[in-house]
Amino acid sequence: MKEKIAKLIDVKTIVTIALVGAVIVFTAEGKIDPEKLTSMTTMAVSFFFAVKLKDQK
């Protein structure tokens, strides 16, 4: 169980969650245009899942 938690908490996971959270918060508050962060968030999430799929094989 500890190993699974340790694998979840790494830099790329934290960055991905932070970017998704930032898009949600800034869009909800109307502070920033969502298109400005959407491309960066999409790239980070795509990279995150691509690496996870590669590690599983």
Protein backbone atom coordinates (compact mmCIF):
# COMPACT_ATOMS: atom_id res chain seq x y z
CA MET A 1 0.00 0.00 0.00
CA LYS A 2 2.80 2.43 0.87
CA GLU A 3 4.51 1.68 -2.42
CA LYS A 4 1.38 2.60 -4.39
CA ILE A 5 1.06 5.90 -2.52
CA ALA A 6 4.75 6.64 -3.08
CA LYS A 7 4.34 6.02 -6.81
CA LEU A 8 1.34 8.34 -6.98
CA ILE A 9 3.15 11.19 -5.30
CA ASP A 10 5.85 12.21 -7.69
CA VAL A 11 6.62 15.41 -9.52
CA LYS A 12 4.66 14.77 -12.70
CA THR A 13 1.55 13.82 -10.74
CA ILE A 14 1.74 16.95 -8.61
CA VAL A 15 2.29 19.18 -11.65
CA THR A 16 -0.62 17.60 -13.53
CA ILE A 17 -3.00 17.96 -10.59
CA ALA A 18 -1.87 21.55 -10.00
CA LEU A 19 -2.45 22.52 -13.65
CA VAL A 20 -5.90 20.96 -13.76
CA GLY A 21 -6.77 22.65 -10.47
CA ALA A 22 -5.52 26.01 -11.75
CA VAL A 23 -7.65 25.76 -14.87
CA ILE A 24 -10.73 24.96 -12.81
CA VAL A 25 -10.18 27.71 -10.24
CA PHE A 26 -9.15 30.47 -12.64
CA THR A 27 -11.98 29.67 -15.03
CA ALA A 28 -14.58 29.53 -12.26
CA GLU A 29 -13.43 32.87 -10.86
CA GLY A 30 -13.17 34.47 -14.30
CA LYS A 31 -9.58 35.60 -13.68
CA ILE A 32 -8.12 34.13 -16.86
CA ASP A 33 -9.26 33.01 -20.25
CA PRO A 34 -9.41 29.18 -20.16
CA GLU A 35 -7.76 28.84 -23.59
CA LYS A 36 -4.50 30.17 -22.16
CA LEU A 37 -4.08 27.25 -19.78
CA THR A 38 -5.99 24.58 -21.67
CA SER A 39 -3.21 23.69 -24.11
CA MET A 40 -0.61 23.41 -21.36
CA THR A 41 -2.93 21.32 -19.21
CA THR A 42 -3.79 19.05 -22.14
CA MET A 43 -0.11 18.45 -22.84
CA ALA A 44 0.64 17.68 -19.19
CA VAL A 45 -2.28 15.29 -18.79
CA SER A 46 -1.46 13.54 -22.08
CA PHE A 47 2.17 13.15 -21.06
CA PHE A 48 1.16 11.88 -17.62
CA PHE A 49 -1.09 9.15 -19.03
CA ALA A 50 1.35 8.25 -21.82
CA VAL A 51 4.11 7.66 -19.26
CA LYS A 52 1.74 5.68 -17.02
CA LEU A 53 0.73 3.43 -19.94
CA LYS A 54 4.36 2.95 -20.96
CA ASP A 55 5.34 2.00 -17.40
CA GLN A 56 2.59 -0.62 -17.20
CA LYS A 57 3.86 -2.57 -20.21
